[in-house]
C-alpha cells in the first residue's frame, strides 16, 4: 500500500508509491551524447570567459591563463547582474526591484572529461574551499542576503556544458525554500529547544536504516520523506549552521564523504543526472542554534507532472530505506 510521509522540517507531504516499486536497474538511462565541440571551460580558452575572480593551483603565469586546478569566473550569461542599485518599488499590490546579484561558475577541474566524484579528495577539497571563499567575499556586499551554491549534472538536470562545473548565485532576497526551512526549524526549536536536524541525525544513527555512509564529521542519509529515488542529504554530525565557517579539516571530511556518496549513486545508476544544492544560513547571520547547514543531492529520475504541480506533493516509487540499502551495498560494485 502507498504511504504518505511528512517532511519534519517543511511539513511537505510525499507519496511513497510502493506498488510502483523499482530496482536501480529500472532507472538506468541511455548514455547522453557527449561528443565534444568547443569548450570555453577548458585550459587555453580562458580568454572566452569573463575574468576569473578566484583561482587555485596556478603557480606561474598571468591571470586568466592555463595552469590552474580550480577556477571561478562570472557567468557569461548571468541570471542576475552585479552592477547597479536594487531600487525596490511597489506597483499597487505588486513589488519589484532591479535584478541585482552575482552569478558565478566554479570550474571544478581543468580536465574536460573529469567527473566530479572521480576527483581526488584533495582536489574536491579545493572546490569546497572555493564555495566557502566566494560566499565570504559576496557576503561583504550589503545588497545580498543569500548565496545559493548548486550543481547541475546531465542535460536532464539542466547542465548546458559537459565540462564539470558548479554555480553560485548571490541573491538580494531570501529564497522561499530557505525561509521555509528556517521557519520550520525555528518552530521545532521553540517547542523542544533542540535543533531538528541534530535530532534527525541522532534518530537516523539509532535506527540505522537510512544511513548511507558516515565519517567522524559528516553523515549521508536518505531522508525520511524524499522527493525522488536516491535523494541524499549530507550533514555535519556536530551542529553547525554556517558552511563558510568550516575548517580545512571539516572541508576535507566533507570532500571525502561527498565523493563516496556520489560514487555509490553512480554504482547504482551509472551517469544518473542529478542536482546538488547547499543550504546554509543567510548572510551576516549570527550562529543559528535551530538551523543546520546541509547539502541535498537530488537525482533526476521522476517527472513533475500535473498532480505534482497542482498539489505540491511528490510521488516517489522507491522507499528511502530500500534506496539506502542499495547505496550501502553498492560499495561492493565500486571496490
C-alpha atoms as a PDB file:
ATOM      1  CA  UNK A   1       0.000   0.000   0.000  1.00  0.00           C
ATOM      2  CA  UNK A   2       1.289   3.519  -0.715  1.00  0.00           C
ATOM      3  CA  UNK A   3       2.447   5.673   2.199  1.00  0.00           C
ATOM      4  CA  UNK A   4       2.084   9.382   2.857  1.00  0.00           C
ATOM      5  CA  UNK A   5       5.152  10.747   4.631  1.00  0.00           C
ATOM      6  CA  UNK A   6       5.588  14.233   6.054  1.00  0.00           C
ATOM      7  CA  UNK A   7       8.875  16.120   5.871  1.00  0.00           C
ATOM      8  CA  UNK A   8       9.554  17.066   9.529  1.00  0.00           C
ATOM      9  CA  UNK A   9      11.130  20.434   8.646  1.00  0.00           C
ATOM     10  CA  UNK A  10       8.980  21.766   5.809  1.00  0.00           C
ATOM     11  CA  UNK A  11       5.736  19.947   6.568  1.00  0.00           C
ATOM     12  CA  UNK A  12       5.689  18.840   2.922  1.00  0.00           C
ATOM     13  CA  UNK A  13       3.882  15.582   2.167  1.00  0.00           C
ATOM     14  CA  UNK A  14       5.458  12.899  -0.031  1.00  0.00           C
ATOM     15  CA  UNK A  15       3.765   9.825  -1.503  1.00  0.00           C
ATOM     16  CA  UNK A  16       5.887   6.685  -1.398  1.00  0.00           C
ATOM     17  CA  UNK A  17       4.204   4.662  -4.149  1.00  0.00           C
ATOM     18  CA  UNK A  18       5.413   1.211  -3.132  1.00  0.00           C
ATOM     19  CA  UNK A  19       3.203  -0.549  -5.674  1.00  0.00           C
ATOM     20  CA  UNK A  20       5.326   1.163  -8.321  1.00  0.00           C
ATOM     21  CA  UNK A  21       8.425  -0.146  -6.568  1.00  0.00           C
ATOM     22  CA  UNK A  22      11.528  -0.208  -8.711  1.00  0.00           C
ATOM     23  CA  UNK A  23      15.065  -1.522  -8.525  1.00  0.00           C
ATOM     24  CA  UNK A  24      18.106   0.571  -9.510  1.00  0.00           C
ATOM     25  CA  UNK A  25      18.313  -1.158 -12.884  1.00  0.00           C
ATOM     26  CA  UNK A  26      14.815   0.122 -13.705  1.00  0.00           C
ATOM     27  CA  UNK A  27      16.149   3.690 -13.586  1.00  0.00           C
ATOM     28  CA  UNK A  28      19.190   3.245 -15.842  1.00  0.00           C
ATOM     29  CA  UNK A  29      19.062   5.746 -18.685  1.00  0.00           C
ATOM     30  CA  UNK A  30      20.653   5.791 -22.097  1.00  0.00           C
ATOM     31  CA  UNK A  31      24.042   7.458 -22.082  1.00  0.00           C
ATOM     32  CA  UNK A  32      23.996  11.026 -23.298  1.00  0.00           C
ATOM     33  CA  UNK A  33      25.864  12.037 -26.419  1.00  0.00           C
ATOM     34  CA  UNK A  34      28.907  13.944 -25.198  1.00  0.00           C
ATOM     35  CA  UNK A  35      30.740  14.288 -28.491  1.00  0.00           C
ATOM     36  CA  UNK A  36      32.637  17.433 -27.717  1.00  0.00           C
ATOM     37  CA  UNK A  37      32.860  20.576 -29.725  1.00  0.00           C
ATOM     38  CA  UNK A  38      34.396  23.786 -28.443  1.00  0.00           C
ATOM     39  CA  UNK A  39      34.529  24.082 -24.641  1.00  0.00           C
ATOM     40  CA  UNK A  40      35.020  27.531 -23.105  1.00  0.00           C
ATOM     41  CA  UNK A  41      35.899  25.979 -19.727  1.00  0.00           C
ATOM     42  CA  UNK A  42      38.965  24.067 -20.948  1.00  0.00           C
ATOM     43  CA  UNK A  43      42.533  25.364 -20.416  1.00  0.00           C
ATOM     44  CA  UNK A  44      43.683  27.540 -23.281  1.00  0.00           C
ATOM     45  CA  UNK A  45      40.227  29.071 -23.693  1.00  0.00           C
ATOM     46  CA  UNK A  46      40.395  31.383 -20.686  1.00  0.00           C
ATOM     47  CA  UNK A  47      40.026  34.399 -22.978  1.00  0.00           C
ATOM     48  CA  UNK A  48      36.497  33.259 -23.884  1.00  0.00           C
ATOM     49  CA  UNK A  49      35.202  33.545 -20.296  1.00  0.00           C
ATOM     50  CA  UNK A  50      34.871  36.634 -18.102  1.00  0.00           C
ATOM     51  CA  UNK A  51      37.974  37.338 -15.997  1.00  0.00           C
ATOM     52  CA  UNK A  52      38.450  34.943 -13.103  1.00  0.00           C
ATOM     53  CA  UNK A  53      37.534  36.073  -9.587  1.00  0.00           C
ATOM     54  CA  UNK A  54      39.310  33.169  -7.861  1.00  0.00           C
ATOM     55  CA  UNK A  55      41.847  30.557  -8.907  1.00  0.00           C
ATOM     56  CA  UNK A  56      43.645  27.690  -7.160  1.00  0.00           C
ATOM     57  CA  UNK A  57      46.712  25.828  -8.392  1.00  0.00           C
ATOM     58  CA  UNK A  58      48.344  28.259 -10.817  1.00  0.00           C
ATOM     59  CA  UNK A  59      51.907  28.777  -9.589  1.00  0.00           C
ATOM     60  CA  UNK A  60      53.250  30.607 -12.623  1.00  0.00           C
ATOM     61  CA  UNK A  61      51.869  32.669 -15.454  1.00  0.00           C
ATOM     62  CA  UNK A  62      49.451  35.536 -15.728  1.00  0.00           C
ATOM     63  CA  UNK A  63      45.851  35.681 -14.586  1.00  0.00           C
ATOM     64  CA  UNK A  64      43.336  34.079 -16.960  1.00  0.00           C
ATOM     65  CA  UNK A  65      45.915  31.656 -18.363  1.00  0.00           C
ATOM     66  CA  UNK A  66      46.327  27.844 -18.118  1.00  0.00           C
ATOM     67  CA  UNK A  67      47.948  26.079 -15.176  1.00  0.00           C
ATOM     68  CA  UNK A  68      45.003  26.161 -12.737  1.00  0.00           C
ATOM     69  CA  UNK A  69      43.271  23.403 -10.786  1.00  0.00           C
ATOM     70  CA  UNK A  70      40.018  25.197  -9.856  1.00  0.00           C
ATOM     71  CA  UNK A  71      38.858  28.432 -11.456  1.00  0.00           C
ATOM     72  CA  UNK A  72      35.878  30.688 -10.654  1.00  0.00           C
ATOM     73  CA  UNK A  73      34.528  33.127 -13.248  1.00  0.00           C
ATOM     74  CA  UNK A  74      31.380  35.225 -13.572  1.00  0.00           C
ATOM     75  CA  UNK A  75      28.716  33.524 -15.661  1.00  0.00           C
ATOM     76  CA  UNK A  76      28.834  34.876 -19.210  1.00  0.00           C
ATOM     77  CA  UNK A  77      25.026  34.806 -19.324  1.00  0.00           C
ATOM     78  CA  UNK A  78      24.076  35.719 -15.742  1.00  0.00           C
ATOM     79  CA  UNK A  79      20.630  35.371 -14.234  1.00  0.00           C
ATOM     80  CA  UNK A  80      21.405  38.498 -12.161  1.00  0.00           C
ATOM     81  CA  UNK A  81      23.998  41.264 -12.642  1.00  0.00           C
ATOM     82  CA  UNK A  82      26.277  42.743 -10.012  1.00  0.00           C
ATOM     83  CA  UNK A  83      26.302  46.364 -11.208  1.00  0.00           C
ATOM     84  CA  UNK A  84      23.575  48.754 -10.095  1.00  0.00           C
ATOM     85  CA  UNK A  85      21.174  49.515  -7.280  1.00  0.00           C
ATOM     86  CA  UNK A  86      18.194  47.458  -6.140  1.00  0.00           C
ATOM     87  CA  UNK A  87      15.664  50.297  -6.446  1.00  0.00           C
ATOM     88  CA  UNK A  88      12.862  48.451  -4.688  1.00  0.00           C
ATOM     89  CA  UNK A  89       9.418  49.744  -5.597  1.00  0.00           C
ATOM     90  CA  UNK A  90       5.767  48.827  -5.451  1.00  0.00           C
ATOM     91  CA  UNK A  91       3.169  48.935  -8.185  1.00  0.00           C
ATOM     92  CA  UNK A  92      -0.070  48.668  -6.291  1.00  0.00           C
ATOM     93  CA  UNK A  93      -0.008  45.295  -4.589  1.00  0.00           C
ATOM     94  CA  UNK A  94       2.969  44.142  -6.704  1.00  0.00           C
ATOM     95  CA  UNK A  95       6.612  44.509  -5.623  1.00  0.00           C
ATOM     96  CA  UNK A  96       9.663  44.568  -7.844  1.00  0.00           C
ATOM     97  CA  UNK A  97      13.347  45.525  -7.860  1.00  0.00           C
ATOM     98  CA  UNK A  98      16.268  45.503 -10.259  1.00  0.00           C
ATOM     99  CA  UNK A  99      17.842  42.123 -10.987  1.00  0.00           C
ATOM    100  CA  UNK A 100      20.936  42.732  -8.891  1.00  0.00           C
ATOM    101  CA  UNK A 101      23.028  39.793  -7.734  1.00  0.00           C
ATOM    102  CA  UNK A 102      26.028  37.715  -8.716  1.00  0.00           C
ATOM    103  CA  UNK A 103      26.138  34.592 -10.850  1.00  0.00           C
ATOM    104  CA  UNK A 104      29.418  32.662 -10.969  1.00  0.00           C
ATOM    105  CA  UNK A 105      30.720  29.403 -12.411  1.00  0.00           C
ATOM    106  CA  UNK A 106      33.102  27.178 -10.441  1.00  0.00           C
ATOM    107  CA  UNK A 107      35.151  25.190 -12.983  1.00  0.00           C
ATOM    108  CA  UNK A 108      35.994  22.133 -10.920  1.00  0.00           C
ATOM    109  CA  UNK A 109      38.866  20.704 -12.963  1.00  0.00           C
ATOM    110  CA  UNK A 110      40.954  21.660 -16.000  1.00  0.00           C
ATOM    111  CA  UNK A 111      40.366  18.186 -17.486  1.00  0.00           C
ATOM    112  CA  UNK A 112      37.304  18.169 -19.730  1.00  0.00           C
ATOM    113  CA  UNK A 113      36.355  14.543 -19.046  1.00  0.00           C
ATOM    114  CA  UNK A 114      36.750  14.553 -15.264  1.00  0.00           C
ATOM    115  CA  UNK A 115      33.570  13.667 -13.394  1.00  0.00           C
ATOM    116  CA  UNK A 116      33.080  15.296 -10.006  1.00  0.00           C
ATOM    117  CA  UNK A 117      33.104  12.061  -7.943  1.00  0.00           C
ATOM    118  CA  UNK A 118      36.304  10.968  -9.760  1.00  0.00           C
ATOM    119  CA  UNK A 119      38.320  13.928  -8.477  1.00  0.00           C
ATOM    120  CA  UNK A 120      40.802  13.198  -5.702  1.00  0.00           C
ATOM    121  CA  UNK A 121      39.734  14.159  -2.204  1.00  0.00           C
ATOM    122  CA  UNK A 122      42.401  16.869  -2.228  1.00  0.00           C
ATOM    123  CA  UNK A 123      41.008  18.323  -5.450  1.00  0.00           C
ATOM    124  CA  UNK A 124      37.402  18.132  -4.246  1.00  0.00           C
ATOM    125  CA  UNK A 125      38.532  19.941  -1.098  1.00  0.00           C
ATOM    126  CA  UNK A 126      39.664  22.858  -3.288  1.00  0.00           C
ATOM    127  CA  UNK A 127      36.204  23.013  -4.883  1.00  0.00           C
ATOM    128  CA  UNK A 128      34.539  23.155  -1.464  1.00  0.00           C
ATOM    129  CA  UNK A 129      37.028  25.775  -0.321  1.00  0.00           C
ATOM    130  CA  UNK A 130      36.173  27.826  -3.428  1.00  0.00           C
ATOM    131  CA  UNK A 131      32.484  27.714  -2.429  1.00  0.00           C
ATOM    132  CA  UNK A 132      33.467  28.939   1.021  1.00  0.00           C
ATOM    133  CA  UNK A 133      35.733  31.703  -0.269  1.00  0.00           C
ATOM    134  CA  UNK A 134      33.125  33.098  -2.643  1.00  0.00           C
ATOM    135  CA  UNK A 135      30.337  33.012  -0.013  1.00  0.00           C
ATOM    136  CA  UNK A 136      32.545  35.001   2.357  1.00  0.00           C
ATOM    137  CA  UNK A 137      33.515  37.514  -0.316  1.00  0.00           C
ATOM    138  CA  UNK A 138      29.995  38.063  -1.640  1.00  0.00           C
ATOM    139  CA  UNK A 139      28.720  38.293   1.932  1.00  0.00           C
ATOM    140  CA  UNK A 140      30.603  41.579   2.250  1.00  0.00           C
ATOM    141  CA  UNK A 141      28.140  43.159  -0.196  1.00  0.00           C
ATOM    142  CA  UNK A 142      25.238  44.574   1.806  1.00  0.00           C
ATOM    143  CA  UNK A 143      22.893  44.187  -1.158  1.00  0.00           C
ATOM    144  CA  UNK A 144      22.984  40.397  -0.908  1.00  0.00           C
ATOM    145  CA  UNK A 145      21.073  38.297   1.612  1.00  0.00           C
ATOM    146  CA  UNK A 146      21.879  34.766   0.457  1.00  0.00           C
ATOM    147  CA  UNK A 147      24.319  32.789  -1.706  1.00  0.00           C
ATOM    148  CA  UNK A 148      22.981  29.577  -3.250  1.00  0.00           C
ATOM    149  CA  UNK A 149      25.567  27.029  -4.412  1.00  0.00           C
ATOM    150  CA  UNK A 150      24.379  24.314  -6.774  1.00  0.00           C
ATOM    151  CA  UNK A 151      25.458  21.829  -9.429  1.00  0.00           C
ATOM    152  CA  UNK A 152      23.569  20.509 -12.442  1.00  0.00           C
ATOM    153  CA  UNK A 153      24.921  17.257 -13.838  1.00  0.00           C
ATOM    154  CA  UNK A 154      23.473  15.901 -17.080  1.00  0.00           C
ATOM    155  CA  UNK A 155      21.096  17.506 -19.549  1.00  0.00           C
ATOM    156  CA  UNK A 156      18.029  16.259 -17.676  1.00  0.00           C
ATOM    157  CA  UNK A 157      19.297  18.168 -14.616  1.00  0.00           C
ATOM    158  CA  UNK A 158      19.839  21.395 -16.543  1.00  0.00           C
ATOM    159  CA  UNK A 159      23.539  21.188 -17.437  1.00  0.00           C
ATOM    160  CA  UNK A 160      24.338  23.022 -20.664  1.00  0.00           C
ATOM    161  CA  UNK A 161      28.089  22.255 -20.692  1.00  0.00           C
ATOM    162  CA  UNK A 162      29.773  18.850 -20.314  1.00  0.00           C
ATOM    163  CA  UNK A 163      32.861  20.164 -18.530  1.00  0.00           C
ATOM    164  CA  UNK A 164      32.424  19.542 -14.798  1.00  0.00           C
ATOM    165  CA  UNK A 165      31.333  22.737 -13.083  1.00  0.00           C
ATOM    166  CA  UNK A 166      29.040  24.087 -10.409  1.00  0.00           C
ATOM    167  CA  UNK A 167      27.494  27.502  -9.929  1.00  0.00           C
ATOM    168  CA  UNK A 168      26.530  30.027  -7.299  1.00  0.00           C
ATOM    169  CA  UNK A 169      24.027  32.856  -7.295  1.00  0.00           C
ATOM    170  CA  UNK A 170      24.058  35.695  -4.769  1.00  0.00           C
ATOM    171  CA  UNK A 171      20.525  36.975  -4.172  1.00  0.00           C
ATOM    172  CA  UNK A 172      19.133  40.219  -2.739  1.00  0.00           C
ATOM    173  CA  UNK A 173      16.242  38.284  -1.192  1.00  0.00           C
ATOM    174  CA  UNK A 174      15.997  35.131   0.882  1.00  0.00           C
ATOM    175  CA  UNK A 175      14.829  32.155  -1.231  1.00  0.00           C
ATOM    176  CA  UNK A 176      11.396  30.868  -0.215  1.00  0.00           C
ATOM    177  CA  UNK A 177      12.743  27.338   0.275  1.00  0.00           C
ATOM    178  CA  UNK A 178      15.402  28.550   2.727  1.00  0.00           C
ATOM    179  CA  UNK A 179      12.903  30.763   4.510  1.00  0.00           C
ATOM    180  CA  UNK A 180      10.575  27.775   4.919  1.00  0.00           C
ATOM    181  CA  UNK A 181      13.394  25.621   6.306  1.00  0.00           C
ATOM    182  CA  UNK A 182      14.400  28.334   8.765  1.00  0.00           C
ATOM    183  CA  UNK A 183      10.787  28.773   9.890  1.00  0.00           C
ATOM    184  CA  UNK A 184      10.190  25.030  10.289  1.00  0.00           C
ATOM    185  CA  UNK A 185      13.433  24.565  12.193  1.00  0.00           C
ATOM    186  CA  UNK A 186      12.725  27.545  14.470  1.00  0.00           C
ATOM    187  CA  UNK A 187       9.215  26.267  15.270  1.00  0.00           C
ATOM    188  CA  UNK A 188      10.692  22.922  16.356  1.00  0.00           C
ATOM    189  CA  UNK A 189      13.430  24.661  18.362  1.00  0.00           C
ATOM    190  CA  UNK A 190      10.940  26.832  20.243  1.00  0.00           C
ATOM    191  CA  UNK A 191       8.965  23.725  21.185  1.00  0.00           C
ATOM    192  CA  UNK A 192      11.815  21.352  22.073  1.00  0.00           C
ATOM    193  CA  UNK A 193      14.857  23.642  22.481  1.00  0.00           C
ATOM    194  CA  UNK A 194      16.836  21.396  20.152  1.00  0.00           C
ATOM    195  CA  UNK A 195      17.908  21.588  16.527  1.00  0.00           C
ATOM    196  CA  UNK A 196      15.622  19.407  14.409  1.00  0.00           C
ATOM    197  CA  UNK A 197      18.472  18.399  12.130  1.00  0.00           C
ATOM    198  CA  UNK A 198      20.547  17.273  15.119  1.00  0.00           C
ATOM    199  CA  UNK A 199      17.564  15.199  16.238  1.00  0.00           C
ATOM    200  CA  UNK A 200      17.221  13.734  12.743  1.00  0.00           C
ATOM    201  CA  UNK A 201      20.890  12.709  12.802  1.00  0.00           C
ATOM    202  CA  UNK A 202      20.530  11.104  16.246  1.00  0.00           C
ATOM    203  CA  UNK A 203      17.454   9.166  15.167  1.00  0.00           C
ATOM    204  CA  UNK A 204      18.995   8.042  11.888  1.00  0.00           C
ATOM    205  CA  UNK A 205      22.116   6.813  13.662  1.00  0.00           C
ATOM    206  CA  UNK A 206      19.961   4.939  16.188  1.00  0.00           C
ATOM    207  CA  UNK A 207      17.604   3.351  13.636  1.00  0.00           C
ATOM    208  CA  UNK A 208      20.381   2.789  11.069  1.00  0.00           C
ATOM    209  CA  UNK A 209      18.025   2.102   8.150  1.00  0.00           C
ATOM    210  CA  UNK A 210      18.510   5.277   6.114  1.00  0.00           C
ATOM    211  CA  UNK A 211      22.223   5.879   6.751  1.00  0.00           C
ATOM    212  CA  UNK A 212      24.228   5.578   3.532  1.00  0.00           C
ATOM    213  CA  UNK A 213      27.705   6.300   4.897  1.00  0.00           C
ATOM    214  CA  UNK A 214      29.454   8.416   7.508  1.00  0.00           C
ATOM    215  CA  UNK A 215      32.827   9.504   8.786  1.00  0.00           C
ATOM    216  CA  UNK A 216      33.867  11.235  12.003  1.00  0.00           C
ATOM    217  CA  UNK A 217      32.433  14.604  10.978  1.00  0.00           C
ATOM    218  CA  UNK A 218      29.694  14.042   8.365  1.00  0.00           C
ATOM    219  CA  UNK A 219      26.829  11.692   7.603  1.00  0.00           C
ATOM    220  CA  UNK A 220      24.909  10.884   4.422  1.00  0.00           C
ATOM    221  CA  UNK A 221      21.296   9.765   4.749  1.00  0.00           C
ATOM    222  CA  UNK A 222      18.312   9.156   2.536  1.00  0.00           C
ATOM    223  CA  UNK A 223      15.698  11.481   4.076  1.00  0.00           C
ATOM    224  CA  UNK A 224      12.511  10.066   5.595  1.00  0.00           C
ATOM    225  CA  UNK A 225      10.296  11.845   3.019  1.00  0.00           C
ATOM    226  CA  UNK A 226      12.402  12.041  -0.176  1.00  0.00           C
ATOM    227  CA  UNK A 227      11.169  13.781  -3.310  1.00  0.00           C
ATOM    228  CA  UNK A 228      12.934  11.392  -5.699  1.00  0.00           C
ATOM    229  CA  UNK A 229      14.510   7.928  -5.634  1.00  0.00           C
ATOM    230  CA  UNK A 230      18.021   8.000  -4.140  1.00  0.00           C
ATOM    231  CA  UNK A 231      17.736  11.550  -2.782  1.00  0.00           C
ATOM    232  CA  UNK A 232      20.511  12.049  -0.218  1.00  0.00           C
ATOM    233  CA  UNK A 233      21.328  14.648   2.427  1.00  0.00           C
ATOM    234  CA  UNK A 234      24.871  15.246   3.670  1.00  0.00           C
ATOM    235  CA  UNK A 235      25.025  16.900   7.100  1.00  0.00           C
ATOM    236  CA  UNK A 236      27.727  17.727   9.657  1.00  0.00           C
ATOM    237  CA  UNK A 237      27.291  15.410  12.618  1.00  0.00           C
ATOM    238  CA  UNK A 238      28.083  18.222  15.069  1.00  0.00           C
ATOM    239  CA  UNK A 239      25.788  21.224  14.962  1.00  0.00           C
ATOM    240  CA  UNK A 240      26.774  23.995  12.557  1.00  0.00           C
ATOM    241  CA  UNK A 241      24.543  26.480  10.782  1.00  0.00           C
ATOM    242  CA  UNK A 242      27.224  28.132   8.625  1.00  0.00           C
ATOM    243  CA  UNK A 243      29.053  26.380   5.813  1.00  0.00           C
ATOM    244  CA  UNK A 244      31.516  29.255   5.439  1.00  0.00           C
ATOM    245  CA  UNK A 245      32.801  28.695   8.998  1.00  0.00           C
ATOM    246  CA  UNK A 246      34.027  25.158   8.337  1.00  0.00           C
ATOM    247  CA  UNK A 247      37.726  24.451   8.988  1.00  0.00           C
ATOM    248  CA  UNK A 248      40.039  22.845   6.453  1.00  0.00           C
ATOM    249  CA  UNK A 249      39.738  19.570   8.389  1.00  0.00           C
ATOM    250  CA  UNK A 250      35.962  19.723   8.119  1.00  0.00           C
ATOM    251  CA  UNK A 251      36.067  20.573   4.406  1.00  0.00           C
ATOM    252  CA  UNK A 252      38.361  17.613   3.766  1.00  0.00           C
ATOM    253  CA  UNK A 253      35.984  15.276   5.624  1.00  0.00           C
ATOM    254  CA  UNK A 254      33.128  16.737   3.581  1.00  0.00           C
ATOM    255  CA  UNK A 255      35.059  16.158   0.348  1.00  0.00           C
ATOM    256  CA  UNK A 256      35.632  12.525   1.311  1.00  0.00           C
ATOM    257  CA  UNK A 257      32.021  11.711   2.148  1.00  0.00           C
ATOM    258  CA  UNK A 258      30.683  13.677  -0.817  1.00  0.00           C
ATOM    259  CA  UNK A 259      32.860  11.718  -3.240  1.00  0.00           C
ATOM    260  CA  UNK A 260      31.882   8.425  -1.610  1.00  0.00           C
ATOM    261  CA  UNK A 261      28.177   9.284  -1.733  1.00  0.00           C
ATOM    262  CA  UNK A 262      28.271  10.201  -5.423  1.00  0.00           C
ATOM    263  CA  UNK A 263      30.354   7.108  -6.255  1.00  0.00           C
ATOM    264  CA  UNK A 264      27.732   4.952  -4.539  1.00  0.00           C
ATOM    265  CA  UNK A 265      24.987   6.671  -6.514  1.00  0.00           C
ATOM    266  CA  UNK A 266      26.876   6.152  -9.773  1.00  0.00           C
ATOM    267  CA  UNK A 267      27.407   2.477  -8.916  1.00  0.00           C
ATOM    268  CA  UNK A 268      23.633   2.076  -8.552  1.00  0.00           C
ATOM    269  CA  UNK A 269      22.704   4.128 -11.629  1.00  0.00           C
ATOM    270  CA  UNK A 270      25.672   4.978 -13.886  1.00  0.00           C
ATOM    271  CA  UNK A 271      25.746   8.564 -15.203  1.00  0.00           C
ATOM    272  CA  UNK A 272      22.470   9.453 -13.485  1.00  0.00           C
ATOM    273  CA  UNK A 273      21.585  13.156 -13.909  1.00  0.00           C
ATOM    274  CA  UNK A 274      21.410  14.962 -10.583  1.00  0.00           C
ATOM    275  CA  UNK A 275      21.377  18.332  -8.880  1.00  0.00           C
ATOM    276  CA  UNK A 276      23.037  19.167  -5.623  1.00  0.00           C
ATOM    277  CA  UNK A 277      22.412  22.292  -3.577  1.00  0.00           C
ATOM    278  CA  UNK A 278      23.949  23.787  -0.457  1.00  0.00           C
ATOM    279  CA  UNK A 279      21.549  25.103   2.159  1.00  0.00           C
ATOM    280  CA  UNK A 280      23.302  27.280   4.723  1.00  0.00           C
ATOM    281  CA  UNK A 281      22.410  30.192   6.975  1.00  0.00           C
ATOM    282  CA  UNK A 282      21.651  33.604   5.433  1.00  0.00           C
ATOM    283  CA  UNK A 283      24.488  36.083   5.010  1.00  0.00           C
ATOM    284  CA  UNK A 284      25.576  38.104   8.047  1.00  0.00           C
ATOM    285  CA  UNK A 285      23.569  35.917  10.433  1.00  0.00           C
ATOM    286  CA  UNK A 286      24.736  35.132  13.904  1.00  0.00           C
ATOM    287  CA  UNK A 287      25.174  31.421  14.530  1.00  0.00           C
ATOM    288  CA  UNK A 288      21.701  29.883  14.495  1.00  0.00           C
ATOM    289  CA  UNK A 289      21.033  27.238  17.184  1.00  0.00           C
ATOM    290  CA  UNK A 290      17.970  25.973  15.297  1.00  0.00           C
ATOM    291  CA  UNK A 291      19.430  25.598  11.782  1.00  0.00           C
ATOM    292  CA  UNK A 292      21.924  23.096  10.379  1.00  0.00           C
ATOM    293  CA  UNK A 293      23.683  23.541   7.049  1.00  0.00           C
ATOM    294  CA  UNK A 294      23.489  20.603   4.656  1.00  0.00           C
ATOM    295  CA  UNK A 295      23.802  19.502   1.056  1.00  0.00           C
ATOM    296  CA  UNK A 296      20.907  17.896  -0.797  1.00  0.00           C
ATOM    297  CA  UNK A 297      21.635  15.564  -3.734  1.00  0.00           C
ATOM    298  CA  UNK A 298      18.550  15.032  -5.895  1.00  0.00           C
ATOM    299  CA  UNK A 299      18.771  12.590  -8.850  1.00  0.00           C
ATOM    300  CA  UNK A 300      16.527  13.373 -11.815  1.00  0.00           C
ATOM    301  CA  UNK A 301      14.647  10.086 -12.065  1.00  0.00           C
ATOM    302  CA  UNK A 302      10.978  11.098 -11.920  1.00  0.00           C
ATOM    303  CA  UNK A 303       8.844  13.647 -13.741  1.00  0.00           C
ATOM    304  CA  UNK A 304       6.975  16.621 -12.332  1.00  0.00           C
ATOM    305  CA  UNK A 305       3.533  16.435 -13.946  1.00  0.00           C
ATOM    306  CA  UNK A 306       0.042  17.800 -13.356  1.00  0.00           C
ATOM    307  CA  UNK A 307      -0.569  16.171  -9.976  1.00  0.00           C
ATOM    308  CA  UNK A 308       2.736  17.382  -8.589  1.00  0.00           C
ATOM    309  CA  UNK A 309       2.303  20.928  -9.905  1.00  0.00           C
ATOM    310  CA  UNK A 310      -1.280  21.129  -8.708  1.00  0.00           C
ATOM    311  CA  UNK A 311      -0.837  19.606  -5.264  1.00  0.00           C
ATOM    312  CA  UNK A 312       2.740  20.314  -4.250  1.00  0.00           C
ATOM    313  CA  UNK A 313       3.105  16.585  -3.461  1.00  0.00           C
ATOM    314  CA  UNK A 314       5.902  14.461  -4.905  1.00  0.00           C
ATOM    315  CA  UNK A 315       5.406  10.818  -5.885  1.00  0.00           C
ATOM    316  CA  UNK A 316       8.432   8.624  -5.224  1.00  0.00           C
ATOM    317  CA  UNK A 317       8.338   4.966  -6.353  1.00  0.00           C
ATOM    318  CA  UNK A 318      11.247   3.887  -4.118  1.00  0.00           C
ATOM    319  CA  UNK A 319      11.190   3.926  -0.319  1.00  0.00           C
ATOM    320  CA  UNK A 320      14.256   5.639   1.189  1.00  0.00           C
ATOM    321  CA  UNK A 321      15.037   2.571   3.317  1.00  0.00           C
ATOM    322  CA  UNK A 322      15.403   0.483   0.145  1.00  0.00           C
ATOM    323  CA  UNK A 323      17.411   3.233  -1.560  1.00  0.00           C
ATOM    324  CA  UNK A 324      19.792   3.404   1.407  1.00  0.00           C
ATOM    325  CA  UNK A 325      20.254  -0.373   1.312  1.00  0.00           C
ATOM    326  CA  UNK A 326      21.089  -0.266  -2.408  1.00  0.00           C
ATOM    327  CA  UNK A 327      23.527   2.587  -1.842  1.00  0.00           C
ATOM    328  CA  UNK A 328      25.240   0.806   1.050  1.00  0.00           C
ATOM    329  CA  UNK A 329      25.573  -2.420  -0.942  1.00  0.00           C
ATOM    330  CA  UNK A 330      26.937  -0.520  -3.939  1.00  0.00           C
ATOM    331  CA  UNK A 331      30.343  -0.431  -2.231  1.00  0.00           C
ATOM    332  CA  UNK A 332      30.903  -3.969  -3.491  1.00  0.00           C
ATOM    333  CA  UNK A 333      30.358  -2.748  -7.070  1.00  0.00           C
ATOM    334  CA  UNK A 334      32.804   0.166  -6.797  1.00  0.00           C
ATOM    335  CA  UNK A 335      35.569  -1.598  -4.852  1.00  0.00           C
END
